[in-house]
Amino acid sequence: MNNGFLVTTTGYIEGGHIRKYIDVVSCNVVMGTNIFSDIAASFRDILGGRSASYKEQLEEAYEGVMEELVEKARQVGANALVGVKIDFDEISGGNKSMFMVSAVGTACDVCFD
């Protein structure tokens, strides 16, 4: 749950009943990487291991997209999101790279009997 707001990747709510499917909501968060992250990642690419700076940026983008998705669902009167799908992409070109996190889900009204 996200502050009393139920979010699930499944198409159903165990123990609950979907009274109404309200709308499909989606959002994207795009974040640029900085030169220090790129340098650190290039060393990790050569030496092996995880890039902590990229990991932190991806986590920040994920949190941002989820907050925005929940807010959009609340704005249409939903108390839950079902069937949530999240996609991570890299946008690069011209020696620059950015991360894009996209999310989509079905906003619905759920009751628990």
N, C-alpha and C. Protein backbone atom coordinates (compact mmCIF):
# COMPACT_ATOMS: atom_id res chain seq x y z
N MET A 1 0.84 -1.19 0.00
CA MET A 1 0.00 0.00 0.00
C MET A 1 0.88 1.24 0.00
N ASN A 2 0.35 2.28 -0.59
CA ASN A 2 1.05 3.55 -0.72
C ASN A 2 0.22 4.60 0.00
N ASN A 3 0.45 4.79 1.31
CA ASN A 3 -0.34 5.70 2.13
C ASN A 3 -1.83 5.41 2.03
N GLY A 4 -2.21 4.16 2.26
CA GLY A 4 -3.61 3.77 2.21
C GLY A 4 -4.13 3.54 0.81
N PHE A 5 -3.28 3.63 -0.17
CA PHE A 5 -3.66 3.46 -1.57
C PHE A 5 -3.05 2.15 -2.05
N LEU A 6 -3.87 1.23 -2.51
CA LEU A 6 -3.41 -0.09 -2.91
C LEU A 6 -2.89 -0.06 -4.35
N VAL A 7 -1.68 -0.59 -4.55
CA VAL A 7 -1.08 -0.68 -5.88
C VAL A 7 -0.64 -2.12 -6.08
N THR A 8 -1.07 -2.72 -7.19
CA THR A 8 -0.70 -4.11 -7.46
C THR A 8 -0.45 -4.32 -8.96
N THR A 9 0.42 -5.26 -9.25
CA THR A 9 0.69 -5.60 -10.65
C THR A 9 -0.31 -6.62 -11.17
N THR A 10 -1.08 -7.22 -10.28
CA THR A 10 -2.08 -8.20 -10.70
C THR A 10 -3.35 -7.48 -11.16
N GLY A 11 -4.23 -8.21 -11.80
CA GLY A 11 -5.48 -7.63 -12.28
C GLY A 11 -6.63 -7.77 -11.30
N TYR A 12 -6.34 -8.21 -10.09
CA TYR A 12 -7.38 -8.41 -9.09
C TYR A 12 -6.84 -8.03 -7.72
N ILE A 13 -7.76 -7.90 -6.77
CA ILE A 13 -7.40 -7.57 -5.39
C ILE A 13 -7.86 -8.73 -4.51
N GLU A 14 -6.93 -9.48 -3.97
CA GLU A 14 -7.30 -10.60 -3.11
C GLU A 14 -7.97 -10.06 -1.85
N GLY A 15 -9.14 -10.60 -1.54
CA GLY A 15 -9.89 -10.17 -0.37
C GLY A 15 -10.69 -8.91 -0.60
N GLY A 16 -10.64 -8.38 -1.80
CA GLY A 16 -11.38 -7.17 -2.12
C GLY A 16 -12.23 -7.36 -3.36
N HIS A 17 -13.09 -6.40 -3.60
CA HIS A 17 -13.98 -6.45 -4.76
C HIS A 17 -13.83 -5.13 -5.53
N ILE A 18 -13.54 -5.23 -6.81
CA ILE A 18 -13.44 -4.02 -7.63
C ILE A 18 -14.85 -3.61 -8.03
N ARG A 19 -15.30 -2.48 -7.47
CA ARG A 19 -16.64 -1.98 -7.77
C ARG A 19 -16.70 -1.30 -9.12
N LYS A 20 -15.60 -0.61 -9.47
CA LYS A 20 -15.62 0.15 -10.72
C LYS A 20 -14.20 0.33 -11.25
N TYR A 21 -14.04 0.05 -12.54
CA TYR A 21 -12.80 0.39 -13.23
C TYR A 21 -12.99 1.81 -13.74
N ILE A 22 -12.18 2.74 -13.27
CA ILE A 22 -12.41 4.15 -13.55
C ILE A 22 -11.72 4.60 -14.83
N ASP A 23 -10.41 4.39 -14.90
CA ASP A 23 -9.67 4.90 -16.05
C ASP A 23 -8.27 4.29 -16.06
N VAL A 24 -7.65 4.33 -17.22
CA VAL A 24 -6.24 3.95 -17.34
C VAL A 24 -5.42 5.21 -17.10
N VAL A 25 -4.44 5.11 -16.21
CA VAL A 25 -3.56 6.26 -15.94
C VAL A 25 -2.13 5.86 -16.27
N SER A 26 -1.36 6.84 -16.72
CA SER A 26 0.04 6.57 -17.07
C SER A 26 0.87 7.81 -16.81
N CYS A 27 2.16 7.61 -16.70
CA CYS A 27 3.08 8.73 -16.55
C CYS A 27 4.50 8.28 -16.89
N ASN A 28 5.35 9.26 -17.13
CA ASN A 28 6.75 9.03 -17.45
C ASN A 28 7.60 9.98 -16.62
N VAL A 29 8.73 9.50 -16.18
CA VAL A 29 9.72 10.34 -15.51
C VAL A 29 11.03 10.16 -16.27
N VAL A 30 11.61 11.28 -16.70
CA VAL A 30 12.88 11.25 -17.41
C VAL A 30 13.90 12.00 -16.56
N MET A 31 15.04 11.36 -16.32
CA MET A 31 16.09 11.96 -15.50
C MET A 31 17.41 11.86 -16.24
N GLY A 32 18.13 12.95 -16.25
CA GLY A 32 19.45 12.95 -16.86
C GLY A 32 20.49 12.40 -15.89
N THR A 33 21.49 11.77 -16.46
CA THR A 33 22.62 11.34 -15.64
C THR A 33 23.66 12.45 -15.70
N ASN A 34 24.47 12.53 -14.68
CA ASN A 34 25.49 13.57 -14.71
C ASN A 34 26.84 12.97 -15.07
N ILE A 35 27.80 13.81 -15.34
CA ILE A 35 29.11 13.35 -15.80
C ILE A 35 29.79 12.45 -14.77
N PHE A 36 29.59 12.72 -13.48
CA PHE A 36 30.23 11.91 -12.44
C PHE A 36 29.64 10.50 -12.42
N SER A 37 28.33 10.40 -12.61
CA SER A 37 27.71 9.07 -12.69
C SER A 37 28.22 8.31 -13.89
N ASP A 38 28.35 9.01 -15.02
CA ASP A 38 28.83 8.37 -16.24
C ASP A 38 30.27 7.87 -16.08
N ILE A 39 31.11 8.68 -15.44
CA ILE A 39 32.51 8.28 -15.22
C ILE A 39 32.57 7.07 -14.29
N ALA A 40 31.82 7.13 -13.19
CA ALA A 40 31.81 6.02 -12.24
C ALA A 40 31.28 4.75 -12.91
N ALA A 41 30.26 4.89 -13.75
CA ALA A 41 29.69 3.72 -14.43
C ALA A 41 30.67 3.14 -15.44
N SER A 42 31.44 4.00 -16.09
CA SER A 42 32.40 3.48 -17.07
C SER A 42 33.49 2.67 -16.38
N PHE A 43 33.92 3.09 -15.17
CA PHE A 43 34.87 2.30 -14.40
C PHE A 43 34.25 0.96 -14.01
N ARG A 44 33.00 0.98 -13.58
CA ARG A 44 32.31 -0.25 -13.20
C ARG A 44 32.17 -1.18 -14.40
N ASP A 45 31.97 -0.59 -15.58
CA ASP A 45 31.84 -1.39 -16.79
C ASP A 45 33.15 -2.14 -17.08
N ILE A 46 34.26 -1.47 -16.85
CA ILE A 46 35.58 -2.08 -17.10
C ILE A 46 35.94 -3.07 -15.99
N LEU A 47 35.74 -2.67 -14.74
CA LEU A 47 36.16 -3.47 -13.60
C LEU A 47 35.12 -4.48 -13.14
N GLY A 48 33.90 -4.29 -13.53
CA GLY A 48 32.81 -5.16 -13.08
C GLY A 48 32.18 -4.62 -11.81
N GLY A 49 31.02 -5.10 -11.48
CA GLY A 49 30.32 -4.67 -10.28
C GLY A 49 29.14 -3.78 -10.60
N ARG A 50 28.51 -3.31 -9.56
CA ARG A 50 27.31 -2.48 -9.68
C ARG A 50 27.66 -1.01 -9.64
N SER A 51 26.88 -0.23 -10.34
CA SER A 51 27.04 1.22 -10.31
C SER A 51 26.05 1.81 -9.31
N ALA A 52 26.55 2.21 -8.16
CA ALA A 52 25.68 2.75 -7.11
C ALA A 52 25.01 4.04 -7.55
N SER A 53 25.71 4.88 -8.32
CA SER A 53 25.13 6.16 -8.73
C SER A 53 23.96 5.95 -9.68
N TYR A 54 24.09 5.03 -10.64
CA TYR A 54 22.98 4.74 -11.55
C TYR A 54 21.83 4.08 -10.79
N LYS A 55 22.17 3.21 -9.86
CA LYS A 55 21.14 2.53 -9.07
C LYS A 55 20.30 3.54 -8.30
N GLU A 56 20.96 4.51 -7.68
CA GLU A 56 20.25 5.54 -6.93
C GLU A 56 19.35 6.37 -7.84
N GLN A 57 19.85 6.70 -9.03
CA GLN A 57 19.05 7.49 -9.97
C GLN A 57 17.83 6.71 -10.45
N LEU A 58 18.00 5.43 -10.71
CA LEU A 58 16.87 4.60 -11.13
C LEU A 58 15.84 4.47 -10.02
N GLU A 59 16.30 4.31 -8.78
CA GLU A 59 15.38 4.22 -7.65
C GLU A 59 14.61 5.53 -7.47
N GLU A 60 15.29 6.65 -7.65
CA GLU A 60 14.64 7.96 -7.55
C GLU A 60 13.59 8.12 -8.65
N ALA A 61 13.91 7.71 -9.86
CA ALA A 61 12.96 7.79 -10.97
C ALA A 61 11.76 6.88 -10.72
N TYR A 62 12.00 5.68 -10.20
CA TYR A 62 10.92 4.74 -9.88
C TYR A 62 9.98 5.34 -8.84
N GLU A 63 10.54 5.88 -7.77
CA GLU A 63 9.72 6.49 -6.73
C GLU A 63 8.90 7.65 -7.29
N GLY A 64 9.52 8.45 -8.15
CA GLY A 64 8.82 9.59 -8.75
C GLY A 64 7.67 9.16 -9.63
N VAL A 65 7.88 8.13 -10.44
CA VAL A 65 6.82 7.68 -11.34
C VAL A 65 5.68 7.05 -10.55
N MET A 66 5.99 6.34 -9.48
CA MET A 66 4.93 5.73 -8.68
C MET A 66 4.11 6.80 -7.94
N GLU A 67 4.78 7.81 -7.40
CA GLU A 67 4.06 8.90 -6.73
C GLU A 67 3.12 9.60 -7.70
N GLU A 68 3.61 9.88 -8.91
CA GLU A 68 2.79 10.56 -9.91
C GLU A 68 1.63 9.69 -10.36
N LEU A 69 1.86 8.39 -10.54
CA LEU A 69 0.80 7.47 -10.97
C LEU A 69 -0.31 7.41 -9.92
N VAL A 70 0.06 7.29 -8.65
CA VAL A 70 -0.93 7.25 -7.57
C VAL A 70 -1.70 8.57 -7.52
N GLU A 71 -1.01 9.68 -7.66
CA GLU A 71 -1.68 10.99 -7.62
C GLU A 71 -2.69 11.11 -8.76
N LYS A 72 -2.32 10.68 -9.96
CA LYS A 72 -3.26 10.73 -11.09
C LYS A 72 -4.48 9.85 -10.83
N ALA A 73 -4.26 8.69 -10.23
CA ALA A 73 -5.38 7.80 -9.92
C ALA A 73 -6.29 8.42 -8.86
N ARG A 74 -5.71 9.05 -7.86
CA ARG A 74 -6.52 9.71 -6.83
C ARG A 74 -7.35 10.83 -7.43
N GLN A 75 -6.78 11.55 -8.39
CA GLN A 75 -7.50 12.67 -9.02
C GLN A 75 -8.75 12.23 -9.76
N VAL A 76 -8.80 10.98 -10.20
CA VAL A 76 -10.00 10.49 -10.89
C VAL A 76 -10.92 9.72 -9.94
N GLY A 77 -10.61 9.75 -8.65
CA GLY A 77 -11.48 9.15 -7.64
C GLY A 77 -11.19 7.71 -7.30
N ALA A 78 -10.04 7.21 -7.65
CA ALA A 78 -9.69 5.82 -7.37
C ALA A 78 -9.09 5.67 -5.97
N ASN A 79 -9.21 4.46 -5.43
CA ASN A 79 -8.53 4.14 -4.18
C ASN A 79 -7.56 2.97 -4.36
N ALA A 80 -7.38 2.55 -5.63
CA ALA A 80 -6.44 1.46 -5.93
C ALA A 80 -6.03 1.51 -7.40
N LEU A 81 -4.89 0.90 -7.66
CA LEU A 81 -4.40 0.72 -9.03
C LEU A 81 -4.15 -0.77 -9.22
N VAL A 82 -4.67 -1.33 -10.31
CA VAL A 82 -4.41 -2.74 -10.61
C VAL A 82 -3.73 -2.84 -11.97
N GLY A 83 -3.07 -3.97 -12.20
CA GLY A 83 -2.42 -4.20 -13.48
C GLY A 83 -1.30 -3.24 -13.78
N VAL A 84 -0.61 -2.78 -12.75
CA VAL A 84 0.46 -1.79 -12.95
C VAL A 84 1.65 -2.43 -13.66
N LYS A 85 2.11 -1.74 -14.68
CA LYS A 85 3.29 -2.17 -15.42
C LYS A 85 4.29 -1.02 -15.42
N ILE A 86 5.57 -1.37 -15.21
CA ILE A 86 6.63 -0.37 -15.14
C ILE A 86 7.71 -0.75 -16.13
N ASP A 87 8.21 0.24 -16.85
CA ASP A 87 9.23 0.00 -17.86
C ASP A 87 10.39 0.97 -17.64
N PHE A 88 11.61 0.45 -17.69
CA PHE A 88 12.82 1.26 -17.56
C PHE A 88 13.51 1.31 -18.91
N ASP A 89 13.87 2.51 -19.36
CA ASP A 89 14.56 2.68 -20.64
C ASP A 89 15.71 3.66 -20.49
N GLU A 90 16.66 3.54 -21.39
CA GLU A 90 17.75 4.51 -21.47
C GLU A 90 17.57 5.28 -22.77
N ILE A 91 17.68 6.58 -22.67
CA ILE A 91 17.64 7.44 -23.84
C ILE A 91 19.04 8.01 -23.98
N SER A 92 19.68 7.76 -25.10
CA SER A 92 21.05 8.25 -25.25
C SER A 92 21.28 8.77 -26.65
N GLY A 93 22.24 9.66 -26.75
CA GLY A 93 22.62 10.24 -28.02
C GLY A 93 23.43 11.49 -27.78
N GLY A 94 24.33 11.78 -28.69
CA GLY A 94 25.15 12.98 -28.53
C GLY A 94 25.98 12.97 -27.27
N ASN A 95 26.50 11.80 -26.89
CA ASN A 95 27.31 11.64 -25.68
C ASN A 95 26.56 12.00 -24.41
N LYS A 96 25.25 11.92 -24.44
CA LYS A 96 24.44 12.19 -23.25
C LYS A 96 23.51 11.00 -23.05
N SER A 97 23.21 10.72 -21.80
CA SER A 97 22.26 9.64 -21.54
C SER A 97 21.29 10.05 -20.45
N MET A 98 20.08 9.54 -20.58
CA MET A 98 19.03 9.82 -19.61
C MET A 98 18.29 8.51 -19.34
N PHE A 99 17.64 8.46 -18.20
CA PHE A 99 16.80 7.32 -17.85
C PHE A 99 15.35 7.75 -18.00
N MET A 100 14.52 6.83 -18.50
CA MET A 100 13.09 7.07 -18.53
C MET A 100 12.40 5.89 -17.86
N VAL A 101 11.54 6.21 -16.92
CA VAL A 101 10.73 5.20 -16.27
C VAL A 101 9.28 5.52 -16.61
N SER A 102 8.59 4.54 -17.19
CA SER A 102 7.19 4.70 -17.58
C SER A 102 6.34 3.75 -16.76
N ALA A 103 5.15 4.20 -16.41
CA ALA A 103 4.24 3.34 -15.64
C ALA A 103 2.82 3.53 -16.15
N VAL A 104 2.06 2.45 -16.11
CA VAL A 104 0.65 2.48 -16.51
C VAL A 104 -0.12 1.52 -15.62
N GLY A 105 -1.34 1.86 -15.31
CA GLY A 105 -2.18 0.99 -14.50
C GLY A 105 -3.64 1.39 -14.63
N THR A 106 -4.51 0.55 -14.12
CA THR A 106 -5.94 0.83 -14.16
C THR A 106 -6.39 1.34 -12.80
N ALA A 107 -6.89 2.58 -12.79
CA ALA A 107 -7.41 3.18 -11.57
C ALA A 107 -8.79 2.60 -11.31
N CYS A 108 -9.03 2.19 -10.07
CA CYS A 108 -10.33 1.58 -9.77
C CYS A 108 -10.77 1.89 -8.33
N ASP A 109 -12.05 1.62 -8.10
CA ASP A 109 -12.64 1.77 -6.78
C ASP A 109 -12.80 0.37 -6.20
N VAL A 110 -12.14 0.12 -5.08
CA VAL A 110 -12.13 -1.21 -4.47
C VAL A 110 -12.78 -1.14 -3.09
N CYS A 111 -13.55 -2.17 -2.76
CA CYS A 111 -14.10 -2.28 -1.41
C CYS A 111 -13.67 -3.63 -0.84
N PHE A 112 -13.57 -3.68 0.47
CA PHE A 112 -13.23 -4.92 1.17
C PHE A 112 -14.42 -5.31 2.03
N ASP A 113 -14.99 -6.46 1.75
CA ASP A 113 -16.19 -6.92 2.47
C ASP A 113 -15.83 -7.52 3.80
